[in-house]
Amino acid sequence: MSHKRKGQLTTSPEWAKHLRKIGKRFFWKGERIAEKRMIEKNISEFDFQALSESEVDSAEKLYEYLNNKLPHSLTYEDLHNLYYSLFCTLDILPENFRYLKLTKEVLAFTFAKLSTKKNVTELMYNDNIMNENHWIEQTAISMRADEWPNHENVKKLIEPN
């Protein structure tokens, strides 16, 4: 016999349901924030030894420009299109940014850092967009699929009029 008092969980199914509810709340509110902070810390401690001084300078300038120009919330498709467009051509950027040395590693680092600061929505799958390798892999996938970036959408995204 179980004694039911108001506010007490007495049977095992009720207790299990309560624990699942608490577990979900903890995971989605606690661990996700901690995970994002850990990723931001890892990105800030990125090993710049793999990049030359000019590449580091280019990454910092491009990040500052894009962080100021892009809206706070944007879709993954828009961010990927911007990355792929910059990988293909620098004609999208203003004249004073076209001299930057933007390798695939510099672009990947810049966009991994951007994805921690921006609210990226409509992710199609659960990949870690805050990882540099994700961006390099997505470029390879797009090239194999013979997809082309939409430069007009990128211009609208960077220079809204």
N, C-alpha and C. Protein backbone atom coordinates (compact mmCIF):
# COMPACT_ATOMS: atom_id res chain seq x y z
N MET A 1 0.82 -1.17 0.00
CA MET A 1 0.00 0.00 0.00
C MET A 1 0.87 1.24 0.00
N SER A 2 0.49 2.16 -0.79
CA SER A 2 1.24 3.41 -0.78
C SER A 2 0.37 4.50 -0.19
N HIS A 3 0.99 5.31 0.57
CA HIS A 3 0.27 6.41 1.19
C HIS A 3 0.51 7.65 0.36
N LYS A 4 -0.56 8.22 -0.15
CA LYS A 4 -0.42 9.42 -0.96
C LYS A 4 -0.75 10.63 -0.12
N ARG A 5 0.23 11.44 0.02
CA ARG A 5 0.03 12.73 0.68
C ARG A 5 0.25 13.80 -0.37
N LYS A 6 -0.39 14.88 -0.19
CA LYS A 6 -0.30 15.96 -1.16
C LYS A 6 1.15 16.43 -1.30
N GLY A 7 1.65 16.45 -2.54
CA GLY A 7 3.00 16.93 -2.80
C GLY A 7 4.08 15.89 -2.66
N GLN A 8 3.74 14.65 -2.33
CA GLN A 8 4.77 13.62 -2.19
C GLN A 8 4.62 12.59 -3.30
N LEU A 9 5.74 12.10 -3.77
CA LEU A 9 5.74 11.06 -4.78
C LEU A 9 5.88 9.73 -4.05
N THR A 10 4.95 8.83 -4.28
CA THR A 10 4.98 7.61 -3.50
C THR A 10 5.15 6.36 -4.35
N THR A 11 4.79 6.39 -5.61
CA THR A 11 4.93 5.19 -6.42
C THR A 11 6.12 5.34 -7.35
N SER A 12 6.67 4.23 -7.76
CA SER A 12 7.86 4.27 -8.59
C SER A 12 7.63 4.93 -9.96
N PRO A 13 6.49 4.72 -10.66
CA PRO A 13 6.31 5.43 -11.93
C PRO A 13 6.28 6.95 -11.76
N GLU A 14 5.67 7.42 -10.69
CA GLU A 14 5.65 8.86 -10.44
C GLU A 14 7.06 9.38 -10.17
N TRP A 15 7.82 8.62 -9.40
CA TRP A 15 9.18 9.01 -9.07
C TRP A 15 10.06 9.03 -10.33
N ALA A 16 9.91 8.02 -11.18
CA ALA A 16 10.69 7.97 -12.42
C ALA A 16 10.36 9.16 -13.32
N LYS A 17 9.08 9.49 -13.42
CA LYS A 17 8.66 10.64 -14.23
C LYS A 17 9.26 11.93 -13.68
N HIS A 18 9.26 12.06 -12.37
CA HIS A 18 9.82 13.25 -11.72
C HIS A 18 11.32 13.36 -12.02
N LEU A 19 12.03 12.24 -11.92
CA LEU A 19 13.48 12.25 -12.19
C LEU A 19 13.78 12.61 -13.65
N ARG A 20 12.98 12.08 -14.58
CA ARG A 20 13.18 12.43 -16.00
C ARG A 20 12.99 13.92 -16.23
N LYS A 21 11.97 14.47 -15.59
CA LYS A 21 11.68 15.90 -15.73
C LYS A 21 12.84 16.74 -15.20
N ILE A 22 13.34 16.38 -14.04
CA ILE A 22 14.48 17.11 -13.46
C ILE A 22 15.72 16.95 -14.34
N GLY A 23 15.94 15.74 -14.84
CA GLY A 23 17.10 15.48 -15.69
C GLY A 23 17.07 16.31 -16.96
N LYS A 24 15.91 16.40 -17.59
CA LYS A 24 15.80 17.21 -18.81
C LYS A 24 16.08 18.68 -18.51
N ARG A 25 15.52 19.16 -17.43
CA ARG A 25 15.72 20.56 -17.07
C ARG A 25 17.20 20.83 -16.82
N PHE A 26 17.86 19.92 -16.12
CA PHE A 26 19.28 20.11 -15.82
C PHE A 26 20.11 20.08 -17.10
N PHE A 27 19.83 19.11 -17.98
CA PHE A 27 20.63 19.00 -19.20
C PHE A 27 20.45 20.22 -20.09
N TRP A 28 19.24 20.61 -20.36
CA TRP A 28 19.00 21.69 -21.31
C TRP A 28 19.33 23.06 -20.76
N LYS A 29 19.29 23.24 -19.45
CA LYS A 29 19.58 24.56 -18.91
C LYS A 29 20.98 24.64 -18.32
N GLY A 30 21.48 23.55 -17.80
CA GLY A 30 22.77 23.58 -17.12
C GLY A 30 23.93 23.22 -18.00
N GLU A 31 23.90 22.03 -18.56
CA GLU A 31 25.04 21.53 -19.30
C GLU A 31 25.25 22.26 -20.62
N ARG A 32 24.18 22.63 -21.30
CA ARG A 32 24.33 23.29 -22.59
C ARG A 32 25.05 24.63 -22.44
N ILE A 33 24.73 25.38 -21.40
CA ILE A 33 25.40 26.66 -21.17
C ILE A 33 26.86 26.42 -20.83
N ALA A 34 27.11 25.42 -19.98
CA ALA A 34 28.49 25.10 -19.61
C ALA A 34 29.27 24.62 -20.83
N GLU A 35 28.63 23.83 -21.69
CA GLU A 35 29.29 23.34 -22.89
C GLU A 35 29.65 24.50 -23.82
N LYS A 36 28.75 25.45 -23.99
CA LYS A 36 29.02 26.61 -24.85
C LYS A 36 30.18 27.43 -24.29
N ARG A 37 30.20 27.61 -22.98
CA ARG A 37 31.32 28.36 -22.37
C ARG A 37 32.64 27.63 -22.57
N MET A 38 32.62 26.30 -22.45
CA MET A 38 33.83 25.52 -22.64
C MET A 38 34.32 25.64 -24.08
N ILE A 39 33.40 25.60 -25.04
CA ILE A 39 33.78 25.74 -26.45
C ILE A 39 34.35 27.12 -26.71
N GLU A 40 33.72 28.16 -26.16
CA GLU A 40 34.23 29.52 -26.33
C GLU A 40 35.64 29.64 -25.76
N LYS A 41 35.87 29.00 -24.61
CA LYS A 41 37.20 29.04 -23.99
C LYS A 41 38.21 28.34 -24.88
N ASN A 42 37.84 27.18 -25.44
CA ASN A 42 38.75 26.44 -26.31
C ASN A 42 39.07 27.23 -27.58
N ILE A 43 38.08 27.92 -28.12
CA ILE A 43 38.32 28.72 -29.32
C ILE A 43 39.23 29.90 -29.01
N SER A 44 39.04 30.50 -27.83
CA SER A 44 39.90 31.63 -27.48
C SER A 44 41.34 31.18 -27.25
N GLU A 45 41.52 29.91 -26.92
CA GLU A 45 42.87 29.37 -26.71
C GLU A 45 43.37 28.64 -27.95
N PHE A 46 42.81 28.97 -29.12
CA PHE A 46 43.17 28.32 -30.37
C PHE A 46 44.67 28.44 -30.61
N ASP A 47 45.25 27.37 -31.09
CA ASP A 47 46.68 27.35 -31.34
C ASP A 47 46.99 28.09 -32.64
N PHE A 48 47.50 29.31 -32.51
CA PHE A 48 47.80 30.13 -33.67
C PHE A 48 49.12 29.76 -34.33
N GLN A 49 49.82 28.78 -33.77
CA GLN A 49 51.10 28.40 -34.36
C GLN A 49 50.91 27.79 -35.75
N ALA A 50 49.74 27.22 -36.03
CA ALA A 50 49.48 26.64 -37.34
C ALA A 50 49.25 27.73 -38.38
N LEU A 51 48.90 28.93 -37.94
CA LEU A 51 48.65 30.04 -38.85
C LEU A 51 49.80 31.03 -38.81
N SER A 52 50.09 31.63 -39.96
CA SER A 52 51.14 32.65 -40.00
C SER A 52 50.60 33.95 -39.39
N GLU A 53 51.48 34.91 -39.18
CA GLU A 53 51.06 36.19 -38.60
C GLU A 53 50.05 36.91 -39.49
N SER A 54 50.28 36.87 -40.79
CA SER A 54 49.34 37.54 -41.71
C SER A 54 47.98 36.84 -41.70
N GLU A 55 47.96 35.52 -41.54
CA GLU A 55 46.70 34.79 -41.46
C GLU A 55 45.94 35.11 -40.18
N VAL A 56 46.67 35.21 -39.08
CA VAL A 56 46.04 35.57 -37.80
C VAL A 56 45.45 36.98 -37.89
N ASP A 57 46.21 37.89 -38.48
CA ASP A 57 45.73 39.26 -38.66
C ASP A 57 44.49 39.29 -39.55
N SER A 58 44.52 38.52 -40.63
CA SER A 58 43.37 38.45 -41.54
C SER A 58 42.14 37.89 -40.84
N ALA A 59 42.34 36.84 -40.03
CA ALA A 59 41.22 36.23 -39.31
C ALA A 59 40.59 37.22 -38.34
N GLU A 60 41.43 37.97 -37.64
CA GLU A 60 40.91 38.95 -36.67
C GLU A 60 40.13 40.07 -37.37
N LYS A 61 40.67 40.57 -38.48
CA LYS A 61 39.99 41.65 -39.21
C LYS A 61 38.67 41.18 -39.81
N LEU A 62 38.67 39.98 -40.40
CA LEU A 62 37.44 39.45 -40.99
C LEU A 62 36.40 39.19 -39.90
N TYR A 63 36.82 38.65 -38.77
CA TYR A 63 35.88 38.39 -37.68
C TYR A 63 35.23 39.69 -37.19
N GLU A 64 36.04 40.71 -36.97
CA GLU A 64 35.50 41.99 -36.50
C GLU A 64 34.51 42.57 -37.50
N TYR A 65 34.85 42.50 -38.78
CA TYR A 65 33.96 43.04 -39.81
C TYR A 65 32.64 42.28 -39.85
N LEU A 66 32.72 40.94 -39.90
CA LEU A 66 31.50 40.14 -40.00
C LEU A 66 30.66 40.21 -38.73
N ASN A 67 31.31 40.24 -37.59
CA ASN A 67 30.57 40.31 -36.32
C ASN A 67 29.75 41.59 -36.24
N ASN A 68 30.29 42.69 -36.77
CA ASN A 68 29.56 43.96 -36.76
C ASN A 68 28.48 44.01 -37.84
N LYS A 69 28.71 43.39 -38.99
CA LYS A 69 27.78 43.49 -40.11
C LYS A 69 26.61 42.51 -40.03
N LEU A 70 26.85 41.31 -39.52
CA LEU A 70 25.81 40.28 -39.51
C LEU A 70 24.80 40.52 -38.39
N PRO A 71 23.54 40.15 -38.62
CA PRO A 71 22.55 40.26 -37.54
C PRO A 71 22.87 39.26 -36.43
N HIS A 72 22.32 39.52 -35.25
CA HIS A 72 22.60 38.63 -34.11
C HIS A 72 22.05 37.23 -34.34
N SER A 73 20.91 37.13 -34.99
CA SER A 73 20.29 35.83 -35.25
C SER A 73 20.23 35.60 -36.76
N LEU A 74 20.78 34.46 -37.20
CA LEU A 74 20.74 34.13 -38.61
C LEU A 74 20.65 32.63 -38.77
N THR A 75 20.21 32.19 -39.93
CA THR A 75 20.04 30.76 -40.15
C THR A 75 21.38 30.12 -40.51
N TYR A 76 21.45 28.81 -40.30
CA TYR A 76 22.65 28.07 -40.65
C TYR A 76 22.89 28.15 -42.16
N GLU A 77 21.83 28.09 -42.93
CA GLU A 77 21.96 28.15 -44.39
C GLU A 77 22.61 29.46 -44.83
N ASP A 78 22.21 30.58 -44.22
CA ASP A 78 22.81 31.87 -44.55
C ASP A 78 24.29 31.91 -44.16
N LEU A 79 24.60 31.38 -42.99
CA LEU A 79 25.99 31.39 -42.52
C LEU A 79 26.86 30.50 -43.40
N HIS A 80 26.34 29.33 -43.76
CA HIS A 80 27.10 28.43 -44.64
C HIS A 80 27.27 29.05 -46.03
N ASN A 81 26.24 29.69 -46.54
CA ASN A 81 26.33 30.35 -47.84
C ASN A 81 27.38 31.46 -47.82
N LEU A 82 27.44 32.20 -46.73
CA LEU A 82 28.45 33.25 -46.59
C LEU A 82 29.85 32.64 -46.56
N TYR A 83 30.02 31.57 -45.79
CA TYR A 83 31.32 30.90 -45.71
C TYR A 83 31.75 30.40 -47.09
N TYR A 84 30.85 29.71 -47.76
CA TYR A 84 31.18 29.14 -49.07
C TYR A 84 31.43 30.24 -50.10
N SER A 85 30.70 31.32 -50.02
CA SER A 85 30.92 32.45 -50.94
C SER A 85 32.29 33.07 -50.73
N LEU A 86 32.67 33.26 -49.47
CA LEU A 86 34.00 33.81 -49.19
C LEU A 86 35.11 32.83 -49.58
N PHE A 87 34.82 31.54 -49.50
CA PHE A 87 35.79 30.54 -49.93
C PHE A 87 36.02 30.65 -51.44
N CYS A 88 34.94 30.96 -52.18
CA CYS A 88 35.04 31.04 -53.65
C CYS A 88 35.58 32.38 -54.14
N THR A 89 35.17 33.47 -53.52
CA THR A 89 35.57 34.80 -53.99
C THR A 89 35.54 35.81 -52.86
N LEU A 90 36.39 36.82 -52.98
CA LEU A 90 36.40 37.91 -52.00
C LEU A 90 35.72 39.16 -52.55
N ASP A 91 35.12 39.05 -53.73
CA ASP A 91 34.45 40.20 -54.34
C ASP A 91 33.26 40.70 -53.52
N ILE A 92 32.79 39.89 -52.61
CA ILE A 92 31.66 40.25 -51.75
C ILE A 92 32.08 41.29 -50.71
N LEU A 93 33.33 41.22 -50.30
CA LEU A 93 33.83 42.11 -49.26
C LEU A 93 34.15 43.49 -49.82
N PRO A 94 34.17 44.50 -48.97
CA PRO A 94 34.59 45.84 -49.41
C PRO A 94 36.04 45.81 -49.92
N GLU A 95 36.38 46.82 -50.68
CA GLU A 95 37.70 46.90 -51.32
C GLU A 95 38.86 46.76 -50.33
N ASN A 96 38.74 47.36 -49.15
CA ASN A 96 39.85 47.32 -48.19
C ASN A 96 40.03 45.96 -47.52
N PHE A 97 39.13 45.00 -47.74
CA PHE A 97 39.28 43.66 -47.17
C PHE A 97 39.73 42.62 -48.19
N ARG A 98 39.86 43.02 -49.42
CA ARG A 98 40.18 42.05 -50.47
C ARG A 98 41.65 41.63 -50.48
N TYR A 99 42.48 42.33 -49.77
CA TYR A 99 43.89 41.97 -49.70
C TYR A 99 44.16 40.91 -48.63
N LEU A 100 43.18 40.61 -47.81
CA LEU A 100 43.37 39.66 -46.71
C LEU A 100 43.76 38.28 -47.23
N LYS A 101 44.62 37.62 -46.46
CA LYS A 101 45.03 36.27 -46.82
C LYS A 101 44.05 35.31 -46.14
N LEU A 102 43.05 34.87 -46.89
CA LEU A 102 42.00 34.02 -46.32
C LEU A 102 42.12 32.60 -46.87
N THR A 103 42.76 31.75 -46.09
CA THR A 103 42.84 30.34 -46.44
C THR A 103 41.62 29.63 -45.88
N LYS A 104 41.46 28.36 -46.21
CA LYS A 104 40.31 27.63 -45.68
C LYS A 104 40.40 27.52 -44.16
N GLU A 105 41.62 27.45 -43.62
CA GLU A 105 41.78 27.37 -42.17
C GLU A 105 41.39 28.68 -41.49
N VAL A 106 41.76 29.80 -42.11
CA VAL A 106 41.41 31.12 -41.56
C VAL A 106 39.90 31.30 -41.58
N LEU A 107 39.27 30.95 -42.70
CA LEU A 107 37.81 31.06 -42.79
C LEU A 107 37.13 30.15 -41.78
N ALA A 108 37.63 28.93 -41.65
CA ALA A 108 37.02 27.97 -40.71
C ALA A 108 37.13 28.49 -39.28
N PHE A 109 38.29 29.01 -38.92
CA PHE A 109 38.47 29.55 -37.58
C PHE A 109 37.53 30.73 -37.34
N THR A 110 37.44 31.62 -38.32
CA THR A 110 36.59 32.81 -38.20
C THR A 110 35.13 32.41 -38.02
N PHE A 111 34.66 31.46 -38.81
CA PHE A 111 33.25 31.07 -38.73
C PHE A 111 32.95 30.23 -37.50
N ALA A 112 33.91 29.46 -37.02
CA ALA A 112 33.70 28.74 -35.76
C ALA A 112 33.55 29.74 -34.62
N LYS A 113 34.35 30.79 -34.65
CA LYS A 113 34.26 31.83 -33.63
C LYS A 113 32.95 32.61 -33.77
N LEU A 114 32.55 32.91 -34.99
CA LEU A 114 31.28 33.62 -35.23
C LEU A 114 30.09 32.82 -34.73
N SER A 115 30.14 31.51 -34.91
CA SER A 115 29.00 30.68 -34.52
C SER A 115 28.82 30.61 -33.01
N THR A 116 29.86 30.96 -32.25
CA THR A 116 29.69 31.02 -30.79
C THR A 116 29.04 32.33 -30.37
N LYS A 117 29.23 33.37 -31.16
CA LYS A 117 28.71 34.69 -30.80
C LYS A 117 27.32 34.96 -31.37
N LYS A 118 26.99 34.34 -32.48
CA LYS A 118 25.70 34.57 -33.14
C LYS A 118 24.72 33.47 -32.76
N ASN A 119 23.45 33.80 -32.83
CA ASN A 119 22.39 32.82 -32.59
C ASN A 119 22.05 32.17 -33.92
N VAL A 120 22.60 30.98 -34.15
CA VAL A 120 22.40 30.28 -35.41
C VAL A 120 21.18 29.37 -35.27
N THR A 121 20.22 29.55 -36.16
CA THR A 121 18.97 28.78 -36.09
C THR A 121 18.84 27.86 -37.30
N GLU A 122 17.87 27.00 -37.23
CA GLU A 122 17.51 26.09 -38.32
C GLU A 122 18.66 25.18 -38.73
N LEU A 123 19.30 24.58 -37.74
CA LEU A 123 20.33 23.59 -38.04
C LEU A 123 19.65 22.33 -38.56
N MET A 124 20.16 21.78 -39.64
CA MET A 124 19.53 20.60 -40.24
C MET A 124 19.93 19.32 -39.52
N TYR A 125 21.08 19.31 -38.93
CA TYR A 125 21.56 18.13 -38.22
C TYR A 125 22.36 18.61 -37.03
N ASN A 126 22.76 17.68 -36.22
CA ASN A 126 23.35 18.03 -34.94
C ASN A 126 24.88 18.01 -35.01
N ASP A 127 25.45 18.75 -35.93
CA ASP A 127 26.91 18.85 -36.00
C ASP A 127 27.40 19.99 -35.12
N ASN A 128 28.65 19.96 -34.82
CA ASN A 128 29.25 21.00 -34.00
C ASN A 128 29.75 22.11 -34.92
N ILE A 129 28.94 23.13 -35.12
CA ILE A 129 29.32 24.22 -36.02
C ILE A 129 30.37 25.12 -35.40
N MET A 130 30.67 24.90 -34.13
CA MET A 130 31.68 25.70 -33.45
C MET A 130 33.07 25.07 -33.60
N ASN A 131 33.17 24.08 -34.46
CA ASN A 131 34.42 23.38 -34.71
C ASN A 131 34.92 23.77 -36.11
N GLU A 132 36.21 24.07 -36.22
CA GLU A 132 36.78 24.49 -37.50
C GLU A 132 36.63 23.41 -38.57
N ASN A 133 36.79 22.15 -38.17
CA ASN A 133 36.72 21.06 -39.15
C ASN A 133 35.35 20.94 -39.79
N HIS A 134 34.31 21.31 -39.07
CA HIS A 134 32.95 21.26 -39.63
C HIS A 134 32.86 22.13 -40.88
N TRP A 135 33.40 23.33 -40.82
CA TRP A 135 33.29 24.27 -41.94
C TRP A 135 34.10 23.79 -43.14
N ILE A 136 35.27 23.22 -42.88
CA ILE A 136 36.09 22.70 -43.98
C ILE A 136 35.38 21.51 -44.64
N GLU A 137 34.78 20.63 -43.83
CA GLU A 137 34.05 19.48 -44.37
C GLU A 137 32.85 19.92 -45.19
N GLN A 138 32.13 20.94 -44.74
CA GLN A 138 30.95 21.41 -45.48
C GLN A 138 31.33 21.99 -46.84
N THR A 139 32.49 22.62 -46.91
CA THR A 139 32.95 23.13 -48.20
C THR A 139 33.25 21.97 -49.14
N ALA A 140 33.91 20.96 -48.63
CA ALA A 140 34.21 19.78 -49.46
C ALA A 140 32.93 19.11 -49.94
N ILE A 141 31.94 19.00 -49.07
CA ILE A 141 30.66 18.39 -49.45
C ILE A 141 29.97 19.21 -50.54
N SER A 142 29.97 20.52 -50.39
CA SER A 142 29.34 21.39 -51.39
C SER A 142 30.05 21.31 -52.73
N MET A 143 31.37 21.21 -52.70
CA MET A 143 32.12 21.13 -53.95
C MET A 143 31.87 19.79 -54.64
N ARG A 144 31.82 18.70 -53.87
CA ARG A 144 31.54 17.39 -54.46
C ARG A 144 30.14 17.34 -55.06
N ALA A 145 29.20 18.03 -54.43
CA ALA A 145 27.82 18.04 -54.91
C ALA A 145 27.63 19.04 -56.06
N ASP A 146 28.69 19.74 -56.43
CA ASP A 146 28.66 20.74 -57.49
C ASP A 146 27.64 21.84 -57.21
N GLU A 147 27.60 22.27 -55.95
CA GLU A 147 26.73 23.37 -55.54
C GLU A 147 27.51 24.67 -55.63
N TRP A 148 26.79 25.74 -55.93
CA TRP A 148 27.40 27.06 -56.03
C TRP A 148 26.79 27.98 -54.99
N PRO A 149 27.59 28.86 -54.41
CA PRO A 149 27.03 29.78 -53.42
C PRO A 149 26.18 30.86 -54.08
N ASN A 150 25.26 31.40 -53.33
CA ASN A 150 24.38 32.47 -53.81
C ASN A 150 24.95 33.81 -53.33
N HIS A 151 25.71 34.46 -54.21
CA HIS A 151 26.39 35.70 -53.84
C HIS A 151 25.41 36.84 -53.57
N GLU A 152 24.27 36.85 -54.26
CA GLU A 152 23.29 37.92 -54.05
C GLU A 152 22.72 37.90 -52.64
N ASN A 153 22.43 36.70 -52.12
CA ASN A 153 21.93 36.60 -50.74
C ASN A 153 22.98 37.06 -49.73
N VAL A 154 24.23 36.77 -50.03
CA VAL A 154 25.32 37.18 -49.13
C VAL A 154 25.43 38.70 -49.11
N LYS A 155 25.34 39.33 -50.27
CA LYS A 155 25.42 40.79 -50.33
C LYS A 155 24.28 41.43 -49.55
N LYS A 156 23.08 40.84 -49.65
CA LYS A 156 21.93 41.35 -48.88
C LYS A 156 22.14 41.15 -47.38
N LEU A 157 22.78 40.06 -47.01
CA LEU A 157 23.02 39.76 -45.60
C LEU A 157 24.05 40.72 -45.00
N ILE A 158 25.10 40.99 -45.74
CA ILE A 158 26.18 41.86 -45.23
C ILE A 158 25.80 43.33 -45.32
N GLU A 159 25.17 43.72 -46.40
CA GLU A 159 24.84 45.13 -46.61
C GLU A 159 23.34 45.32 -46.74
N PRO A 160 22.59 45.23 -45.64
CA PRO A 160 21.14 45.43 -45.75
C PRO A 160 20.81 46.90 -46.02
N ASN A 161 20.02 47.12 -47.05
CA ASN A 161 19.61 48.49 -47.42
C ASN A 161 18.11 48.60 -47.42
